[in-house]
C-alpha cells in the first residue's frame, strides 16, 4: 500500500474511516506527503554533507565511534527535518553556515574526547559537543532576530545556522 493510501486508511482515534476520508483534503494531504518525502531525502543528503565536514575536521587526530555517529545522525535528523518543515528547504542558502557549525561540532567532540582521555570520540563526547553547538546556535539565532527587530540590519532575511538545530516541537 502506498503511504498516501495508508495515511487515509488509518483515521485518528475516535473517527470512523468514512468520516476521516471525507474530512481529508486530498490535495493538501498529497502536498504535505510530497513535501515530507522531498524534505526527508534532502535531510539525508544534508546529514551526509555535514558528516563529511565533521570527518574533515576530525581528520587524523582521532576516530569517531560508530555509536556516536548513529546518535548524531538520529539527533540532528529530527532537528533538520523539523527546521525544513518550518522554514522550507533553505539548504543552498545556509550550507556554508551549517558547515561552519559542523566544524564546531567536530572541534568540540575532539576536545571532549581528549579531555576524557578517550581513544576516540565516543557517544558521551558526541552528546556534549551537540549540546555546545545547539547552545551556540540558539544564542546566535536570538541575537540575529533581536538585531533585526531593533533595525540594525539592512532588512535582509537572516541567513543563520541557528534554526537548523533548535529544539523540535
N, C-alpha and C. Protein backbone atom coordinates (compact mmCIF):
# COMPACT_ATOMS: atom_id res chain seq x y z
N UNK A 1 0.85 -1.17 0.00
CA UNK A 1 0.00 0.00 0.00
C UNK A 1 0.90 1.24 0.00
N UNK A 2 0.59 2.18 -0.84
CA UNK A 2 1.33 3.44 -0.92
C UNK A 2 1.10 4.20 0.40
N UNK A 3 2.14 4.87 0.94
CA UNK A 3 1.98 5.60 2.20
C UNK A 3 0.84 6.61 2.18
N UNK A 4 0.56 7.19 1.02
CA UNK A 4 -0.55 8.14 0.92
C UNK A 4 -1.87 7.44 1.25
N UNK A 5 -2.05 6.24 0.67
CA UNK A 5 -3.27 5.49 0.95
C UNK A 5 -3.30 5.04 2.40
N UNK A 6 -2.13 4.68 2.94
CA UNK A 6 -2.07 4.26 4.34
C UNK A 6 -2.49 5.39 5.27
N UNK A 7 -2.09 6.62 4.95
CA UNK A 7 -2.47 7.78 5.77
C UNK A 7 -3.97 7.96 5.78
N UNK A 8 -4.59 7.73 4.64
CA UNK A 8 -6.05 7.87 4.55
C UNK A 8 -6.76 6.70 5.22
N UNK A 9 -6.13 5.51 5.21
CA UNK A 9 -6.76 4.30 5.72
C UNK A 9 -6.74 4.22 7.24
N UNK A 10 -5.88 5.00 7.89
CA UNK A 10 -5.77 4.95 9.35
C UNK A 10 -6.21 6.27 9.95
N UNK A 11 -7.50 6.39 10.26
CA UNK A 11 -8.02 7.65 10.80
C UNK A 11 -7.55 7.87 12.23
N UNK A 12 -7.59 9.11 12.70
CA UNK A 12 -7.26 9.39 14.09
C UNK A 12 -8.25 8.68 15.01
N UNK A 13 -7.84 8.46 16.25
CA UNK A 13 -8.72 7.80 17.22
C UNK A 13 -10.01 8.58 17.34
N UNK A 14 -11.11 7.85 17.41
CA UNK A 14 -12.42 8.47 17.58
C UNK A 14 -13.12 8.81 16.28
N UNK A 15 -12.47 8.63 15.15
CA UNK A 15 -13.10 8.92 13.85
C UNK A 15 -13.27 7.63 13.08
N UNK A 16 -14.41 7.49 12.46
CA UNK A 16 -14.65 6.35 11.58
C UNK A 16 -13.89 6.58 10.27
N UNK A 17 -13.54 5.50 9.61
CA UNK A 17 -12.79 5.60 8.35
C UNK A 17 -13.50 6.47 7.33
N UNK A 18 -14.82 6.29 7.18
CA UNK A 18 -15.54 7.06 6.16
C UNK A 18 -15.54 8.55 6.52
N UNK A 19 -15.64 8.89 7.82
CA UNK A 19 -15.59 10.29 8.23
C UNK A 19 -14.21 10.88 7.96
N UNK A 20 -13.19 10.08 8.23
CA UNK A 20 -11.82 10.55 8.04
C UNK A 20 -11.56 10.83 6.56
N UNK A 21 -11.95 9.91 5.70
CA UNK A 21 -11.74 10.10 4.27
C UNK A 21 -12.48 11.33 3.79
N UNK A 22 -13.69 11.54 4.27
CA UNK A 22 -14.47 12.70 3.86
C UNK A 22 -13.84 14.00 4.37
N UNK A 23 -13.21 13.94 5.54
CA UNK A 23 -12.65 15.14 6.15
C UNK A 23 -11.30 15.54 5.57
N UNK A 24 -10.63 14.59 4.96
CA UNK A 24 -9.28 14.85 4.45
C UNK A 24 -9.35 15.63 3.15
N UNK A 25 -8.61 16.70 3.12
CA UNK A 25 -8.45 17.44 1.87
C UNK A 25 -7.35 16.72 1.11
N UNK A 26 -7.73 15.96 0.13
CA UNK A 26 -6.79 15.10 -0.58
C UNK A 26 -5.62 15.87 -1.18
N UNK A 27 -5.88 16.98 -1.78
CA UNK A 27 -4.79 17.76 -2.39
C UNK A 27 -3.80 18.21 -1.33
N UNK A 28 -4.31 18.66 -0.18
CA UNK A 28 -3.44 19.12 0.91
C UNK A 28 -2.62 17.95 1.45
N UNK A 29 -3.26 16.80 1.63
CA UNK A 29 -2.56 15.62 2.12
C UNK A 29 -1.47 15.21 1.13
N UNK A 30 -1.80 15.21 -0.15
CA UNK A 30 -0.81 14.86 -1.17
C UNK A 30 0.37 15.83 -1.15
N UNK A 31 0.09 17.14 -1.04
CA UNK A 31 1.16 18.14 -1.00
C UNK A 31 2.05 17.94 0.23
N UNK A 32 1.43 17.73 1.40
CA UNK A 32 2.22 17.52 2.61
C UNK A 32 3.08 16.27 2.50
N UNK A 33 2.50 15.20 1.94
CA UNK A 33 3.23 13.96 1.80
C UNK A 33 4.42 14.15 0.86
N UNK A 34 4.20 14.80 -0.26
CA UNK A 34 5.29 15.03 -1.23
C UNK A 34 6.37 15.92 -0.62
N UNK A 35 5.96 17.00 0.08
CA UNK A 35 6.94 17.86 0.75
C UNK A 35 7.74 17.06 1.77
N UNK A 36 7.04 16.22 2.53
CA UNK A 36 7.70 15.43 3.56
C UNK A 36 8.73 14.50 2.95
N UNK A 37 8.36 13.82 1.87
CA UNK A 37 9.33 12.93 1.21
C UNK A 37 10.51 13.70 0.64
N UNK A 38 10.23 14.83 0.02
CA UNK A 38 11.30 15.66 -0.53
C UNK A 38 12.23 16.12 0.59
N UNK A 39 11.67 16.56 1.70
CA UNK A 39 12.47 17.03 2.82
C UNK A 39 13.27 15.88 3.44
N UNK A 40 12.66 14.70 3.55
CA UNK A 40 13.39 13.57 4.13
C UNK A 40 14.60 13.20 3.27
N UNK A 41 14.45 13.20 1.97
CA UNK A 41 15.59 12.92 1.08
C UNK A 41 16.63 14.03 1.20
N UNK A 42 16.19 15.26 1.26
CA UNK A 42 17.11 16.39 1.40
C UNK A 42 17.86 16.31 2.72
N UNK A 43 17.18 15.96 3.80
CA UNK A 43 17.83 15.87 5.11
C UNK A 43 18.90 14.78 5.10
N UNK A 44 18.63 13.67 4.44
CA UNK A 44 19.66 12.62 4.35
C UNK A 44 20.90 13.15 3.64
N UNK A 45 20.71 13.89 2.56
CA UNK A 45 21.84 14.49 1.84
C UNK A 45 22.57 15.50 2.74
N UNK A 46 21.82 16.34 3.43
CA UNK A 46 22.41 17.36 4.30
C UNK A 46 23.23 16.70 5.40
N UNK A 47 22.70 15.66 6.02
CA UNK A 47 23.45 14.96 7.06
C UNK A 47 24.74 14.36 6.50
N UNK A 48 24.66 13.78 5.32
CA UNK A 48 25.88 13.25 4.70
C UNK A 48 26.91 14.35 4.50
N UNK A 49 26.45 15.50 4.03
CA UNK A 49 27.34 16.63 3.82
C UNK A 49 27.94 17.11 5.14
N UNK A 50 27.11 17.19 6.17
CA UNK A 50 27.60 17.62 7.49
C UNK A 50 28.63 16.64 8.05
N UNK A 51 28.37 15.34 7.89
CA UNK A 51 29.33 14.36 8.41
C UNK A 51 30.62 14.35 7.62
N UNK A 52 30.56 14.69 6.35
CA UNK A 52 31.78 14.86 5.57
C UNK A 52 32.60 15.99 6.18
N UNK A 53 31.94 17.08 6.53
CA UNK A 53 32.62 18.21 7.17
C UNK A 53 33.21 17.81 8.51
N UNK A 54 32.44 17.10 9.31
CA UNK A 54 32.94 16.63 10.62
C UNK A 54 34.17 15.75 10.40
N UNK A 55 34.11 14.85 9.45
CA UNK A 55 35.25 13.98 9.17
C UNK A 55 36.49 14.75 8.75
N UNK A 56 36.30 15.79 7.94
CA UNK A 56 37.43 16.61 7.53
C UNK A 56 38.07 17.30 8.73
N UNK A 57 37.25 17.76 9.66
CA UNK A 57 37.78 18.48 10.81
C UNK A 57 38.44 17.54 11.82
N UNK A 58 37.87 16.37 12.00
CA UNK A 58 38.48 15.40 12.92
C UNK A 58 39.80 14.92 12.33
N UNK A 59 39.77 14.66 11.02
CA UNK A 59 40.99 14.27 10.32
C UNK A 59 41.66 13.07 10.93
N UNK A 60 42.95 13.15 11.07
CA UNK A 60 43.74 12.04 11.59
C UNK A 60 43.97 12.16 13.10
N UNK A 61 43.34 13.13 13.73
CA UNK A 61 43.58 13.33 15.17
C UNK A 61 43.01 12.21 16.02
N UNK A 62 41.87 11.68 15.63
CA UNK A 62 41.23 10.60 16.38
C UNK A 62 40.22 9.93 15.47
N UNK A 63 39.45 9.02 16.00
CA UNK A 63 38.39 8.37 15.25
C UNK A 63 37.06 8.66 15.94
N UNK A 64 35.99 8.33 15.26
CA UNK A 64 34.65 8.53 15.82
C UNK A 64 34.01 7.15 15.93
N UNK A 65 33.52 6.83 17.14
CA UNK A 65 32.84 5.56 17.34
C UNK A 65 31.56 5.50 16.52
N UNK A 66 31.23 4.31 16.06
CA UNK A 66 30.00 4.10 15.28
C UNK A 66 28.77 4.58 16.05
N UNK A 67 28.69 4.25 17.33
CA UNK A 67 27.54 4.66 18.14
C UNK A 67 27.39 6.18 18.21
N UNK A 68 28.51 6.88 18.22
CA UNK A 68 28.46 8.34 18.25
C UNK A 68 27.90 8.88 16.93
N UNK A 69 28.32 8.30 15.83
CA UNK A 69 27.80 8.74 14.52
C UNK A 69 26.30 8.47 14.43
N UNK A 70 25.86 7.30 14.86
CA UNK A 70 24.44 6.96 14.83
C UNK A 70 23.66 7.92 15.70
N UNK A 71 24.17 8.23 16.89
CA UNK A 71 23.47 9.15 17.78
C UNK A 71 23.37 10.54 17.15
N UNK A 72 24.50 11.05 16.64
CA UNK A 72 24.47 12.36 15.98
C UNK A 72 23.46 12.38 14.84
N UNK A 73 23.49 11.33 14.01
CA UNK A 73 22.60 11.29 12.85
C UNK A 73 21.13 11.30 13.27
N UNK A 74 20.78 10.46 14.22
CA UNK A 74 19.39 10.43 14.71
C UNK A 74 18.99 11.75 15.35
N UNK A 75 19.88 12.28 16.14
CA UNK A 75 19.62 13.53 16.87
C UNK A 75 19.41 14.70 15.92
N UNK A 76 20.33 14.90 14.99
CA UNK A 76 20.23 16.05 14.09
C UNK A 76 19.25 15.83 12.95
N UNK A 77 18.97 14.58 12.61
CA UNK A 77 17.99 14.32 11.56
C UNK A 77 16.62 14.87 11.97
N UNK A 78 16.22 14.60 13.18
CA UNK A 78 14.93 15.10 13.67
C UNK A 78 14.91 16.63 13.68
N UNK A 79 15.99 17.23 14.11
CA UNK A 79 16.05 18.70 14.17
C UNK A 79 16.06 19.32 12.78
N UNK A 80 16.84 18.74 11.85
CA UNK A 80 16.90 19.28 10.50
C UNK A 80 15.57 19.12 9.77
N UNK A 81 14.93 17.98 9.96
CA UNK A 81 13.63 17.77 9.32
C UNK A 81 12.60 18.76 9.86
N UNK A 82 12.59 18.98 11.17
CA UNK A 82 11.67 19.95 11.76
C UNK A 82 11.96 21.36 11.23
N UNK A 83 13.23 21.70 11.08
CA UNK A 83 13.60 23.02 10.56
C UNK A 83 13.10 23.18 9.13
N UNK A 84 13.23 22.14 8.33
CA UNK A 84 12.77 22.24 6.94
C UNK A 84 11.25 22.35 6.86
N UNK A 85 10.56 21.65 7.72
CA UNK A 85 9.10 21.74 7.72
C UNK A 85 8.64 23.13 8.14
N UNK A 86 9.40 23.78 9.04
CA UNK A 86 9.08 25.15 9.48
C UNK A 86 9.50 26.20 8.46
N UNK A 87 10.73 26.08 7.93
CA UNK A 87 11.35 27.14 7.14
C UNK A 87 11.40 26.86 5.64
N UNK A 88 11.12 25.61 5.25
CA UNK A 88 11.31 25.23 3.86
C UNK A 88 12.75 24.78 3.65
N UNK A 89 13.07 24.39 2.45
CA UNK A 89 14.41 23.91 2.16
C UNK A 89 15.31 25.09 1.82
N UNK A 90 16.05 25.54 2.81
CA UNK A 90 16.98 26.67 2.66
C UNK A 90 18.43 26.19 2.62
N UNK A 91 18.63 24.90 2.34
CA UNK A 91 19.97 24.34 2.43
C UNK A 91 20.97 25.08 1.56
N UNK A 92 20.64 25.41 0.35
CA UNK A 92 21.58 26.08 -0.54
C UNK A 92 22.02 27.41 0.07
N UNK A 93 21.08 28.17 0.63
CA UNK A 93 21.42 29.46 1.25
C UNK A 93 22.21 29.29 2.54
N UNK A 94 21.93 28.23 3.30
CA UNK A 94 22.50 28.08 4.65
C UNK A 94 23.67 27.10 4.73
N UNK A 95 24.03 26.49 3.62
CA UNK A 95 25.03 25.42 3.65
C UNK A 95 26.35 25.87 4.29
N UNK A 96 26.83 27.01 3.92
CA UNK A 96 28.11 27.49 4.44
C UNK A 96 28.04 27.68 5.96
N UNK A 97 26.93 28.22 6.44
CA UNK A 97 26.78 28.44 7.88
C UNK A 97 26.66 27.12 8.64
N UNK A 98 25.90 26.19 8.09
CA UNK A 98 25.73 24.90 8.76
C UNK A 98 27.05 24.13 8.73
N UNK A 99 27.81 24.24 7.65
CA UNK A 99 29.12 23.59 7.59
C UNK A 99 30.05 24.15 8.66
N UNK A 100 29.98 25.45 8.88
CA UNK A 100 30.80 26.06 9.92
C UNK A 100 30.43 25.51 11.29
N UNK A 101 29.15 25.28 11.51
CA UNK A 101 28.71 24.69 12.78
C UNK A 101 29.16 23.23 12.86
N UNK A 102 29.23 22.54 11.72
CA UNK A 102 29.78 21.18 11.69
C UNK A 102 31.24 21.16 12.11
N UNK A 103 31.98 22.17 11.71
CA UNK A 103 33.37 22.28 12.16
C UNK A 103 33.42 22.43 13.68
N UNK A 104 32.53 23.27 14.19
CA UNK A 104 32.48 23.47 15.64
C UNK A 104 32.13 22.16 16.35
N UNK A 105 31.18 21.42 15.81
CA UNK A 105 30.78 20.14 16.40
C UNK A 105 31.98 19.20 16.47
N UNK A 106 32.73 19.13 15.39
CA UNK A 106 33.91 18.26 15.36
C UNK A 106 34.96 18.71 16.36
N UNK A 107 35.25 20.00 16.39
CA UNK A 107 36.27 20.52 17.32
C UNK A 107 35.88 20.27 18.77
N UNK A 108 34.63 20.50 19.09
CA UNK A 108 34.16 20.28 20.47
C UNK A 108 34.24 18.79 20.82
N UNK A 109 33.85 17.93 19.88
CA UNK A 109 33.89 16.49 20.14
C UNK A 109 35.32 16.00 20.34
N UNK A 110 36.25 16.49 19.52
CA UNK A 110 37.66 16.12 19.68
C UNK A 110 38.15 16.57 21.06
N UNK A 111 37.78 17.77 21.45
CA UNK A 111 38.22 18.29 22.76
C UNK A 111 37.64 17.47 23.90
N UNK A 112 36.34 17.14 23.84
CA UNK A 112 35.73 16.34 24.91
C UNK A 112 36.35 14.95 24.98
N UNK A 113 36.65 14.35 23.85
CA UNK A 113 37.30 13.03 23.85
C UNK A 113 38.69 13.13 24.46
N UNK A 114 39.43 14.17 24.08
CA UNK A 114 40.79 14.34 24.61
C UNK A 114 40.76 14.61 26.11
N UNK A 115 39.83 15.46 26.57
CA UNK A 115 39.71 15.76 28.00
C UNK A 115 39.41 14.50 28.81
N UNK A 116 38.65 13.58 28.25
CA UNK A 116 38.31 12.33 28.93
C UNK A 116 39.38 11.26 28.70
N UNK A 117 40.42 11.61 27.96
CA UNK A 117 41.49 10.69 27.59
C UNK A 117 40.93 9.42 26.93
N UNK A 118 39.89 9.64 26.13
CA UNK A 118 39.27 8.54 25.39
C UNK A 118 40.06 8.30 24.11
N UNK A 119 40.13 7.06 23.65
CA UNK A 119 40.87 6.77 22.43
C UNK A 119 40.16 7.25 21.16
N UNK A 120 38.87 7.62 21.30
CA UNK A 120 38.09 8.06 20.15
C UNK A 120 36.96 8.95 20.63
N UNK A 121 36.24 9.53 19.69
CA UNK A 121 35.05 10.31 20.04
C UNK A 121 33.94 9.30 20.31
N UNK A 122 33.60 9.17 21.57
CA UNK A 122 32.55 8.23 21.95
C UNK A 122 31.20 8.96 22.04
N UNK A 123 30.19 8.24 22.39
CA UNK A 123 28.85 8.82 22.42
C UNK A 123 28.75 9.94 23.45
N UNK A 124 29.47 9.83 24.56
CA UNK A 124 29.44 10.88 25.58
C UNK A 124 30.03 12.18 25.03
N UNK A 125 31.17 12.09 24.36
CA UNK A 125 31.79 13.28 23.75
C UNK A 125 30.89 13.85 22.66
N UNK A 126 30.25 12.99 21.89
CA UNK A 126 29.34 13.43 20.82
C UNK A 126 28.15 14.20 21.40
N UNK A 127 27.58 13.70 22.47
CA UNK A 127 26.44 14.37 23.11
C UNK A 127 26.84 15.74 23.68
N UNK A 128 27.97 15.78 24.36
CA UNK A 128 28.43 17.05 24.94
C UNK A 128 28.70 18.08 23.85
N UNK A 129 29.31 17.64 22.76
CA UNK A 129 29.58 18.54 21.64
C UNK A 129 28.27 19.05 21.04
N UNK A 130 27.29 18.18 20.91
CA UNK A 130 25.98 18.58 20.36
C UNK A 130 25.31 19.62 21.25
N UNK A 131 25.41 19.46 22.57
CA UNK A 131 24.83 20.44 23.49
C UNK A 131 25.50 21.80 23.30
N UNK A 132 26.81 21.81 23.19
CA UNK A 132 27.53 23.07 22.97
C UNK A 132 27.11 23.75 21.67
N UNK A 133 27.03 22.97 20.61
CA UNK A 133 26.67 23.52 19.30
C UNK A 133 25.24 24.05 19.31
N UNK A 134 24.33 23.31 19.91
CA UNK A 134 22.94 23.76 19.96
C UNK A 134 22.80 25.04 20.79
N UNK A 135 23.53 25.11 21.88
CA UNK A 135 23.51 26.33 22.71
C UNK A 135 24.02 27.52 21.88
N UNK A 136 25.11 27.33 21.16
CA UNK A 136 25.65 28.38 20.31
C UNK A 136 24.62 28.80 19.25
N UNK A 137 24.03 27.82 18.58
CA UNK A 137 23.06 28.11 17.51
C UNK A 137 21.87 28.90 18.05
N UNK A 138 21.36 28.49 19.19
CA UNK A 138 20.21 29.18 19.76
C UNK A 138 20.55 30.61 20.16
N UNK A 139 21.71 30.81 20.77
CA UNK A 139 22.12 32.16 21.14
C UNK A 139 22.35 33.02 19.91
N UNK A 140 22.99 32.46 18.91
CA UNK A 140 23.26 33.20 17.68
C UNK A 140 21.95 33.58 16.98
N UNK A 141 21.01 32.65 16.92
CA UNK A 141 19.72 32.92 16.29
C UNK A 141 18.98 34.03 17.03
N UNK A 142 19.00 33.97 18.35
CA UNK A 142 18.31 35.01 19.15
C UNK A 142 18.94 36.38 18.93
N UNK A 143 20.27 36.44 18.87
CA UNK A 143 20.94 37.71 18.63
C UNK A 143 20.58 38.29 17.27
N UNK A 144 20.56 37.44 16.24
CA UNK A 144 20.24 37.92 14.89
C UNK A 144 18.80 38.41 14.80
N UNK A 145 17.88 37.67 15.40
CA UNK A 145 16.48 38.08 15.38
C UNK A 145 16.32 39.39 16.14
N UNK A 146 16.98 39.51 17.27
CA UNK A 146 16.93 40.74 18.05
C UNK A 146 17.49 41.92 17.26
N UNK A 147 18.59 41.70 16.57
CA UNK A 147 19.19 42.76 15.75
C UNK A 147 18.23 43.19 14.65
N UNK A 148 17.52 42.25 14.06
CA UNK A 148 16.55 42.59 13.01
C UNK A 148 15.39 43.40 13.58
N UNK A 149 14.94 43.03 14.76
CA UNK A 149 13.82 43.74 15.39
C UNK A 149 14.21 45.17 15.76
N UNK A 150 15.47 45.36 16.12
CA UNK A 150 15.95 46.68 16.52
C UNK A 150 16.40 47.54 15.34
N UNK A 151 16.25 47.01 14.15
CA UNK A 151 16.56 47.79 12.95
C UNK A 151 18.03 47.93 12.65
N UNK A 152 18.88 47.11 13.26
CA UNK A 152 20.32 47.23 12.99
C UNK A 152 20.77 46.34 11.85
N UNK A 153 19.85 46.01 10.95
CA UNK A 153 20.19 45.21 9.78
C UNK A 153 19.65 45.91 8.54
N UNK A 154 20.09 45.49 7.40
CA UNK A 154 19.61 46.10 6.17
C UNK A 154 18.24 45.58 5.76
N UNK A 155 17.61 44.79 6.64
CA UNK A 155 16.28 44.28 6.36
C UNK A 155 16.28 42.95 5.64
N UNK A 156 17.46 42.45 5.32
CA UNK A 156 17.54 41.16 4.64
C UNK A 156 17.19 40.04 5.61
N UNK A 157 16.68 38.96 5.08
CA UNK A 157 16.37 37.79 5.87
C UNK A 157 17.66 37.24 6.45
N UNK A 158 17.69 36.97 7.75
CA UNK A 158 18.94 36.48 8.33
C UNK A 158 19.27 35.08 7.81
N UNK A 159 20.49 34.90 7.42
CA UNK A 159 20.96 33.60 6.99
C UNK A 159 21.81 33.08 8.13
N UNK A 160 21.20 32.23 8.95
CA UNK A 160 21.86 31.74 10.15
C UNK A 160 21.71 30.24 10.25
N UNK A 161 22.62 29.62 10.95
CA UNK A 161 22.53 28.18 11.17
C UNK A 161 21.62 27.86 12.35
N UNK A 162 21.29 28.85 13.14
CA UNK A 162 20.58 28.62 14.39
C UNK A 162 19.32 27.80 14.30
N UNK A 163 18.46 28.06 13.34
CA UNK A 163 17.20 27.34 13.32
C UNK A 163 17.36 25.88 12.90
N UNK A 164 18.50 25.52 12.33
CA UNK A 164 18.71 24.13 11.94
C UNK A 164 18.84 23.21 13.14
N UNK A 165 19.28 23.72 14.27
CA UNK A 165 19.48 22.84 15.41
C UNK A 165 18.70 23.28 16.64
N UNK A 166 17.63 24.00 16.43
CA UNK A 166 16.78 24.39 17.55
C UNK A 166 15.87 23.24 17.96
N UNK A 167 15.31 23.29 19.16
CA UNK A 167 14.51 22.17 19.65
C UNK A 167 13.35 21.84 18.71
N UNK A 168 13.04 20.57 18.65
CA UNK A 168 11.93 20.08 17.84
C UNK A 168 10.65 20.28 18.64
N UNK A 169 9.62 20.77 17.95
CA UNK A 169 8.29 20.88 18.56
C UNK A 169 8.07 22.02 19.41
